Amino acid sequence: MKETQQMYPEAFYNFQLLCDAVLHRDLIQARLVLEEQSQCLFESERPPWESMMVFLTSMNRSLYNFILYRTSLSLHQCCFENSKLMHKCHTRQQFFDLAEQILEAYCSELRCDSCRGNYITRAKAYIDWNLDKPLRLEEVAARVFISKTYLSELFTSYTGMSFTTYVTRQRMQRAKKLLLSTRMSIHDVGQACGFYSSAYFSTVFTRQFGLSPSRYRTAMAQLPTDDRRDYA
């Protein structure tokens, strides 16, 4: 009768906390999670090198899949390069050195320019789809899996304006389009752009364009259709 092969514990497969820390580029937290989660390696009855190999391979693939699923970024080259290092792991110190190298590699990839641009692209898309709702920096940052501080820095760097200024600009651009292309009431236009007070909507619109929403609509209606595009 064949001997039943002993299964590895969950710690060899479930890396959600570690992946979440790496996705937020929090190396300190990632190291803490790794240290706690890897304790079982050296308590196993299996040869340490075998346990370390399985653990690191699973961690590497989990990080790749987690980042791909959450951000649509395929860091396949990073995953491949990490996998080539596994054979170097024979001691406890080598295990932690290699694990640290894997974590730093993924964090470094997530800091690169293309990734930062991806965060901004997805944040802008989320904003544009939700202009009729309250939009807070914390909420949008959570949607793209970065901290609110980092998202704020990215907006300033990539758009030359603050998050709040960008959102207001997008709301105003939508308001102009709706005023010109629909017969919606001023109140309904304001609500469609995230303003639940008609008076506040009118104040912000007037501050941006020098005309109230109603006067803007009237003024644009007097222009030929082709000329309206210059003001939309």
C-alpha atoms as a PDB file:
ATOM      1  CA  MET A   1       0.000   0.000   0.000  1.00  0.00           C
ATOM      2  CA  LYS A   2       1.404   3.355  -1.004  1.00  0.00           C
ATOM      3  CA  GLU A   3       2.337   5.800   1.708  1.00  0.00           C
ATOM      4  CA  THR A   4       0.092   8.869   1.650  1.00  0.00           C
ATOM      5  CA  GLN A   5       2.131  11.930   0.760  1.00  0.00           C
ATOM      6  CA  GLN A   6       2.040  14.582   3.437  1.00  0.00           C
ATOM      7  CA  MET A   7       0.493  17.846   2.314  1.00  0.00           C
ATOM      8  CA  TYR A   8       2.156  21.200   2.792  1.00  0.00           C
ATOM      9  CA  PRO A   9       0.345  23.547   5.190  1.00  0.00           C
ATOM     10  CA  GLU A  10      -1.694  26.535   3.995  1.00  0.00           C
ATOM     11  CA  ALA A  11       1.225  28.891   4.607  1.00  0.00           C
ATOM     12  CA  PHE A  12       2.867  27.401   1.501  1.00  0.00           C
ATOM     13  CA  TYR A  13      -0.029  28.493  -0.708  1.00  0.00           C
ATOM     14  CA  ASN A  14      -1.940  31.439   0.762  1.00  0.00           C
ATOM     15  CA  PHE A  15       0.120  34.602   0.268  1.00  0.00           C
ATOM     16  CA  GLN A  16      -2.707  37.131   0.215  1.00  0.00           C
ATOM     17  CA  LEU A  17      -1.347  39.328   3.032  1.00  0.00           C
ATOM     18  CA  LEU A  18       2.135  39.308   1.548  1.00  0.00           C
ATOM     19  CA  CYS A  19       0.848  40.090  -1.942  1.00  0.00           C
ATOM     20  CA  ASP A  20      -1.274  42.947  -0.642  1.00  0.00           C
ATOM     21  CA  ALA A  21       1.748  44.491   1.096  1.00  0.00           C
ATOM     22  CA  VAL A  22       3.843  44.231  -2.076  1.00  0.00           C
ATOM     23  CA  LEU A  23       1.049  45.671  -4.221  1.00  0.00           C
ATOM     24  CA  HIS A  24       1.059  48.727  -1.944  1.00  0.00           C
ATOM     25  CA  ARG A  25       4.878  48.753  -2.173  1.00  0.00           C
ATOM     26  CA  ASP A  26       5.167  48.350   1.597  1.00  0.00           C
ATOM     27  CA  LEU A  27       8.376  46.353   1.918  1.00  0.00           C
ATOM     28  CA  ILE A  28       8.485  46.665   5.695  1.00  0.00           C
ATOM     29  CA  GLN A  29       5.066  45.047   6.065  1.00  0.00           C
ATOM     30  CA  ALA A  30       5.941  42.446   3.433  1.00  0.00           C
ATOM     31  CA  ARG A  31       9.059  41.439   5.381  1.00  0.00           C
ATOM     32  CA  LEU A  32       7.066  41.109   8.597  1.00  0.00           C
ATOM     33  CA  VAL A  33       4.479  38.893   6.911  1.00  0.00           C
ATOM     34  CA  LEU A  34       7.210  36.793   5.291  1.00  0.00           C
ATOM     35  CA  GLU A  35       9.029  36.247   8.572  1.00  0.00           C
ATOM     36  CA  GLU A  36       5.884  35.083  10.326  1.00  0.00           C
ATOM     37  CA  GLN A  37       4.559  32.977   7.465  1.00  0.00           C
ATOM     38  CA  SER A  38       7.855  31.183   6.808  1.00  0.00           C
ATOM     39  CA  GLN A  39       8.294  29.887  10.342  1.00  0.00           C
ATOM     40  CA  CYS A  40       6.649  26.619   9.374  1.00  0.00           C
ATOM     41  CA  LEU A  41       9.405  25.872   6.846  1.00  0.00           C
ATOM     42  CA  PHE A  42      11.915  25.035   9.496  1.00  0.00           C
ATOM     43  CA  GLU A  43       9.469  23.005  11.576  1.00  0.00           C
ATOM     44  CA  SER A  44       8.677  20.599   8.757  1.00  0.00           C
ATOM     45  CA  GLU A  45       9.877  16.990   8.703  1.00  0.00           C
ATOM     46  CA  ARG A  46      10.857  17.389   5.073  1.00  0.00           C
ATOM     47  CA  PRO A  47      14.394  18.380   4.053  1.00  0.00           C
ATOM     48  CA  PRO A  48      14.658  22.188   4.477  1.00  0.00           C
ATOM     49  CA  TRP A  49      15.781  22.750   0.887  1.00  0.00           C
ATOM     50  CA  GLU A  50      12.633  21.069  -0.451  1.00  0.00           C
ATOM     51  CA  SER A  51      10.312  23.145   1.755  1.00  0.00           C
ATOM     52  CA  MET A  52      12.160  26.350   0.892  1.00  0.00           C
ATOM     53  CA  MET A  53      11.936  25.608  -2.838  1.00  0.00           C
ATOM     54  CA  VAL A  54       8.193  24.923  -2.703  1.00  0.00           C
ATOM     55  CA  PHE A  55       7.544  27.999  -0.543  1.00  0.00           C
ATOM     56  CA  LEU A  56       9.536  30.408  -2.738  1.00  0.00           C
ATOM     57  CA  THR A  57       8.097  29.010  -5.965  1.00  0.00           C
ATOM     58  CA  SER A  58       4.567  29.370  -4.634  1.00  0.00           C
ATOM     59  CA  MET A  59       5.280  32.877  -3.329  1.00  0.00           C
ATOM     60  CA  ASN A  60       6.727  33.990  -6.650  1.00  0.00           C
ATOM     61  CA  ARG A  61       3.767  32.689  -8.653  1.00  0.00           C
ATOM     62  CA  SER A  62       1.271  34.079  -6.151  1.00  0.00           C
ATOM     63  CA  LEU A  63       2.795  37.543  -6.437  1.00  0.00           C
ATOM     64  CA  TYR A  64       2.680  37.381 -10.229  1.00  0.00           C
ATOM     65  CA  ASN A  65      -0.946  36.216 -10.336  1.00  0.00           C
ATOM     66  CA  PHE A  66      -2.119  38.624  -7.635  1.00  0.00           C
ATOM     67  CA  ILE A  67      -0.611  41.649  -9.395  1.00  0.00           C
ATOM     68  CA  LEU A  68      -1.952  40.502 -12.771  1.00  0.00           C
ATOM     69  CA  TYR A  69      -5.468  40.042 -11.391  1.00  0.00           C
ATOM     70  CA  ARG A  70      -5.554  43.275  -9.414  1.00  0.00           C
ATOM     71  CA  THR A  71      -3.792  45.634 -11.841  1.00  0.00           C
ATOM     72  CA  SER A  72      -3.797  43.882 -15.256  1.00  0.00           C
ATOM     73  CA  LEU A  73       0.016  44.178 -15.222  1.00  0.00           C
ATOM     74  CA  SER A  74       1.786  41.050 -16.431  1.00  0.00           C
ATOM     75  CA  LEU A  75       5.187  41.060 -14.714  1.00  0.00           C
ATOM     76  CA  HIS A  76       6.112  37.789 -16.419  1.00  0.00           C
ATOM     77  CA  GLN A  77       9.751  38.707 -16.942  1.00  0.00           C
ATOM     78  CA  CYS A  78      10.132  39.460 -13.244  1.00  0.00           C
ATOM     79  CA  CYS A  79       8.485  36.144 -12.364  1.00  0.00           C
ATOM     80  CA  PHE A  80      10.743  34.253 -14.789  1.00  0.00           C
ATOM     81  CA  GLU A  81      13.946  35.865 -13.506  1.00  0.00           C
ATOM     82  CA  ASN A  82      12.950  35.079  -9.932  1.00  0.00           C
ATOM     83  CA  SER A  83      12.275  31.435 -10.789  1.00  0.00           C
ATOM     84  CA  LYS A  84      15.839  31.028 -12.121  1.00  0.00           C
ATOM     85  CA  LEU A  85      17.226  31.839  -8.668  1.00  0.00           C
ATOM     86  CA  MET A  86      15.472  29.051  -6.782  1.00  0.00           C
ATOM     87  CA  HIS A  87      18.329  26.555  -7.141  1.00  0.00           C
ATOM     88  CA  LYS A  88      20.568  28.865  -5.083  1.00  0.00           C
ATOM     89  CA  CYS A  89      18.530  28.283  -1.947  1.00  0.00           C
ATOM     90  CA  HIS A  90      20.093  25.715   0.407  1.00  0.00           C
ATOM     91  CA  THR A  91      20.324  27.415   3.793  1.00  0.00           C
ATOM     92  CA  ARG A  92      18.066  29.464   6.023  1.00  0.00           C
ATOM     93  CA  GLN A  93      20.046  32.630   5.279  1.00  0.00           C
ATOM     94  CA  GLN A  94      19.928  32.005   1.544  1.00  0.00           C
ATOM     95  CA  PHE A  95      16.185  31.528   1.818  1.00  0.00           C
ATOM     96  CA  PHE A  96      15.630  34.940   3.394  1.00  0.00           C
ATOM     97  CA  ASP A  97      18.113  36.620   1.036  1.00  0.00           C
ATOM     98  CA  LEU A  98      16.302  35.190  -1.984  1.00  0.00           C
ATOM     99  CA  ALA A  99      12.830  35.929  -0.581  1.00  0.00           C
ATOM    100  CA  GLU A 100      13.913  39.529   0.007  1.00  0.00           C
ATOM    101  CA  GLN A 101      15.231  39.738  -3.554  1.00  0.00           C
ATOM    102  CA  ILE A 102      11.897  38.512  -4.937  1.00  0.00           C
ATOM    103  CA  LEU A 103       9.917  41.021  -2.888  1.00  0.00           C
ATOM    104  CA  GLU A 104      12.199  43.900  -3.912  1.00  0.00           C
ATOM    105  CA  ALA A 105      11.999  42.868  -7.570  1.00  0.00           C
ATOM    106  CA  TYR A 106       8.209  43.079  -7.642  1.00  0.00           C
ATOM    107  CA  CYS A 107       8.157  46.325  -5.652  1.00  0.00           C
ATOM    108  CA  SER A 108      10.687  47.818  -8.049  1.00  0.00           C
ATOM    109  CA  GLU A 109       8.572  46.844 -11.049  1.00  0.00           C
ATOM    110  CA  LEU A 110       5.525  48.437  -9.457  1.00  0.00           C
ATOM    111  CA  ARG A 111       7.434  51.694  -9.001  1.00  0.00           C
ATOM    112  CA  CYS A 112       8.499  51.977 -12.651  1.00  0.00           C
ATOM    113  CA  ASP A 113       7.200  54.718 -14.936  1.00  0.00           C
ATOM    114  CA  SER A 114       4.931  52.463 -16.956  1.00  0.00           C
ATOM    115  CA  CYS A 115       3.271  51.196 -13.787  1.00  0.00           C
ATOM    116  CA  ARG A 116       2.809  54.711 -12.446  1.00  0.00           C
ATOM    117  CA  GLY A 117       1.227  55.690 -15.733  1.00  0.00           C
ATOM    118  CA  ASN A 118      -1.054  52.663 -15.456  1.00  0.00           C
ATOM    119  CA  TYR A 119      -2.205  53.779 -11.999  1.00  0.00           C
ATOM    120  CA  ILE A 120      -3.081  57.227 -13.348  1.00  0.00           C
ATOM    121  CA  THR A 121      -4.854  55.786 -16.387  1.00  0.00           C
ATOM    122  CA  ARG A 122      -7.027  53.545 -14.235  1.00  0.00           C
ATOM    123  CA  ALA A 123      -7.679  56.301 -11.702  1.00  0.00           C
ATOM    124  CA  LYS A 124      -8.804  58.663 -14.468  1.00  0.00           C
ATOM    125  CA  ALA A 125     -11.062  55.994 -15.944  1.00  0.00           C
ATOM    126  CA  TYR A 126     -12.678  55.380 -12.566  1.00  0.00           C
ATOM    127  CA  ILE A 127     -13.202  59.119 -12.071  1.00  0.00           C
ATOM    128  CA  ASP A 128     -14.760  59.554 -15.511  1.00  0.00           C
ATOM    129  CA  TRP A 129     -17.178  56.669 -14.896  1.00  0.00           C
ATOM    130  CA  ASN A 130     -18.235  58.068 -11.530  1.00  0.00           C
ATOM    131  CA  LEU A 131     -18.489  61.842 -12.015  1.00  0.00           C
ATOM    132  CA  ASP A 132     -22.084  61.739 -10.826  1.00  0.00           C
ATOM    133  CA  LYS A 133     -20.962  60.430  -7.430  1.00  0.00           C
ATOM    134  CA  PRO A 134     -18.928  61.857  -4.564  1.00  0.00           C
ATOM    135  CA  LEU A 135     -15.273  61.136  -5.324  1.00  0.00           C
ATOM    136  CA  ARG A 136     -12.732  61.031  -2.527  1.00  0.00           C
ATOM    137  CA  LEU A 137      -9.001  60.542  -2.910  1.00  0.00           C
ATOM    138  CA  GLU A 138      -9.078  57.604  -0.482  1.00  0.00           C
ATOM    139  CA  GLU A 139     -11.778  55.818  -2.503  1.00  0.00           C
ATOM    140  CA  VAL A 140     -10.027  56.188  -5.863  1.00  0.00           C
ATOM    141  CA  ALA A 141      -6.665  55.171  -4.371  1.00  0.00           C
ATOM    142  CA  ALA A 142      -8.240  52.025  -2.961  1.00  0.00           C
ATOM    143  CA  ARG A 143      -9.686  51.204  -6.388  1.00  0.00           C
ATOM    144  CA  VAL A 144      -6.216  51.233  -7.980  1.00  0.00           C
ATOM    145  CA  PHE A 145      -4.531  49.611  -4.947  1.00  0.00           C
ATOM    146  CA  ILE A 146      -2.145  52.368  -3.915  1.00  0.00           C
ATOM    147  CA  SER A 147      -2.054  54.747  -0.967  1.00  0.00           C
ATOM    148  CA  LYS A 148      -3.881  58.068  -1.127  1.00  0.00           C
ATOM    149  CA  THR A 149      -0.587  59.893  -0.574  1.00  0.00           C
ATOM    150  CA  TYR A 150       1.027  58.187  -3.545  1.00  0.00           C
ATOM    151  CA  LEU A 151      -1.985  58.791  -5.799  1.00  0.00           C
ATOM    152  CA  SER A 152      -1.970  62.456  -4.832  1.00  0.00           C
ATOM    153  CA  GLU A 153       1.713  62.670  -5.799  1.00  0.00           C
ATOM    154  CA  LEU A 154       1.054  60.934  -9.107  1.00  0.00           C
ATOM    155  CA  PHE A 155      -1.748  63.333 -10.035  1.00  0.00           C
ATOM    156  CA  THR A 156       0.463  66.325  -9.397  1.00  0.00           C
ATOM    157  CA  SER A 157       3.332  64.766 -11.347  1.00  0.00           C
ATOM    158  CA  TYR A 158       1.336  63.525 -14.352  1.00  0.00           C
ATOM    159  CA  THR A 159      -1.403  66.149 -14.698  1.00  0.00           C
ATOM    160  CA  GLY A 160       0.171  69.240 -13.145  1.00  0.00           C
ATOM    161  CA  MET A 161      -2.827  69.640 -10.853  1.00  0.00           C
ATOM    162  CA  SER A 162      -4.136  68.250  -7.599  1.00  0.00           C
ATOM    163  CA  PHE A 163      -6.613  65.370  -7.435  1.00  0.00           C
ATOM    164  CA  THR A 164      -9.417  67.740  -6.373  1.00  0.00           C
ATOM    165  CA  THR A 165      -8.660  70.196  -9.175  1.00  0.00           C
ATOM    166  CA  TYR A 166      -8.632  67.394 -11.739  1.00  0.00           C
ATOM    167  CA  VAL A 167     -11.978  66.000 -10.564  1.00  0.00           C
ATOM    168  CA  THR A 168     -13.546  69.472 -10.646  1.00  0.00           C
ATOM    169  CA  ARG A 169     -12.239  70.051 -14.166  1.00  0.00           C
ATOM    170  CA  GLN A 170     -13.723  66.768 -15.360  1.00  0.00           C
ATOM    171  CA  ARG A 171     -17.064  67.588 -13.749  1.00  0.00           C
ATOM    172  CA  MET A 172     -17.097  70.963 -15.473  1.00  0.00           C
ATOM    173  CA  GLN A 173     -16.242  69.461 -18.850  1.00  0.00           C
ATOM    174  CA  ARG A 174     -19.150  67.048 -18.517  1.00  0.00           C
ATOM    175  CA  ALA A 175     -21.426  69.875 -17.423  1.00  0.00           C
ATOM    176  CA  LYS A 176     -20.604  71.883 -20.546  1.00  0.00           C
ATOM    177  CA  LYS A 177     -21.331  68.922 -22.796  1.00  0.00           C
ATOM    178  CA  LEU A 178     -24.650  68.216 -21.124  1.00  0.00           C
ATOM    179  CA  LEU A 179     -25.698  71.862 -21.258  1.00  0.00           C
ATOM    180  CA  LEU A 180     -24.990  71.964 -24.977  1.00  0.00           C
ATOM    181  CA  SER A 181     -26.232  68.534 -26.036  1.00  0.00           C
ATOM    182  CA  THR A 182     -29.283  67.926 -23.844  1.00  0.00           C
ATOM    183  CA  ARG A 183     -32.348  69.693 -22.520  1.00  0.00           C
ATOM    184  CA  MET A 184     -31.699  68.552 -18.975  1.00  0.00           C
ATOM    185  CA  SER A 185     -32.536  71.087 -16.288  1.00  0.00           C
ATOM    186  CA  ILE A 186     -29.676  72.902 -14.562  1.00  0.00           C
ATOM    187  CA  HIS A 187     -30.439  70.904 -11.432  1.00  0.00           C
ATOM    188  CA  ASP A 188     -30.234  67.586 -13.307  1.00  0.00           C
ATOM    189  CA  VAL A 189     -27.017  68.592 -15.065  1.00  0.00           C
ATOM    190  CA  GLY A 190     -25.494  69.440 -11.703  1.00  0.00           C
ATOM    191  CA  GLN A 191     -26.515  66.080 -10.254  1.00  0.00           C
ATOM    192  CA  ALA A 192     -25.124  64.243 -13.287  1.00  0.00           C
ATOM    193  CA  CYS A 193     -21.814  65.932 -12.539  1.00  0.00           C
ATOM    194  CA  GLY A 194     -21.755  65.136  -8.832  1.00  0.00           C
ATOM    195  CA  PHE A 195     -23.295  68.335  -7.445  1.00  0.00           C
ATOM    196  CA  TYR A 196     -26.302  67.833  -5.221  1.00  0.00           C
ATOM    197  CA  SER A 197     -26.791  71.560  -4.664  1.00  0.00           C
ATOM    198  CA  SER A 198     -27.816  73.585  -7.708  1.00  0.00           C
ATOM    199  CA  ALA A 199     -26.525  76.751  -6.060  1.00  0.00           C
ATOM    200  CA  TYR A 200     -23.079  75.244  -5.460  1.00  0.00           C
ATOM    201  CA  PHE A 201     -22.967  73.828  -8.984  1.00  0.00           C
ATOM    202  CA  SER A 202     -23.767  77.263 -10.381  1.00  0.00           C
ATOM    203  CA  THR A 203     -21.091  78.875  -8.185  1.00  0.00           C
ATOM    204  CA  VAL A 204     -18.373  76.460  -9.291  1.00  0.00           C
ATOM    205  CA  PHE A 205     -19.390  76.658 -12.964  1.00  0.00           C
ATOM    206  CA  THR A 206     -19.431  80.475 -12.920  1.00  0.00           C
ATOM    207  CA  ARG A 207     -16.029  80.532 -11.234  1.00  0.00           C
ATOM    208  CA  GLN A 208     -14.630  78.273 -13.959  1.00  0.00           C
ATOM    209  CA  PHE A 209     -16.141  79.872 -17.057  1.00  0.00           C
ATOM    210  CA  GLY A 210     -17.318  83.346 -16.106  1.00  0.00           C
ATOM    211  CA  LEU A 211     -20.945  82.530 -16.930  1.00  0.00           C
ATOM    212  CA  SER A 212     -23.664  80.775 -14.968  1.00  0.00           C
ATOM    213  CA  PRO A 213     -24.859  77.425 -16.420  1.00  0.00           C
ATOM    214  CA  SER A 214     -28.084  78.959 -17.726  1.00  0.00           C
ATOM    215  CA  ARG A 215     -26.327  81.938 -19.312  1.00  0.00           C
ATOM    216  CA  TYR A 216     -23.705  79.637 -20.821  1.00  0.00           C
ATOM    217  CA  ARG A 217     -26.423  77.478 -22.406  1.00  0.00           C
ATOM    218  CA  THR A 218     -28.223  80.554 -23.762  1.00  0.00           C
ATOM    219  CA  ALA A 219     -25.032  82.079 -25.135  1.00  0.00           C
ATOM    220  CA  MET A 220     -23.952  78.867 -26.849  1.00  0.00           C
ATOM    221  CA  ALA A 221     -27.416  78.352 -28.376  1.00  0.00           C
ATOM    222  CA  GLN A 222     -26.980  81.615 -30.278  1.00  0.00           C
ATOM    223  CA  LEU A 223     -23.795  80.396 -31.974  1.00  0.00           C
ATOM    224  CA  PRO A 224     -23.682  78.313 -35.175  1.00  0.00           C
ATOM    225  CA  THR A 225     -23.335  74.617 -34.431  1.00  0.00           C
ATOM    226  CA  ASP A 226     -19.764  74.397 -35.766  1.00  0.00           C
ATOM    227  CA  ASP A 227     -18.644  77.310 -33.584  1.00  0.00           C
ATOM    228  CA  ARG A 228     -19.964  75.686 -30.422  1.00  0.00           C
ATOM    229  CA  ARG A 229     -17.244  73.057 -30.616  1.00  0.00           C
ATOM    230  CA  ASP A 230     -14.653  75.701 -29.763  1.00  0.00           C
ATOM    231  CA  TYR A 231     -16.387  76.271 -26.414  1.00  0.00           C
ATOM    232  CA  ALA A 232     -17.332  72.714 -25.527  1.00  0.00           C
END
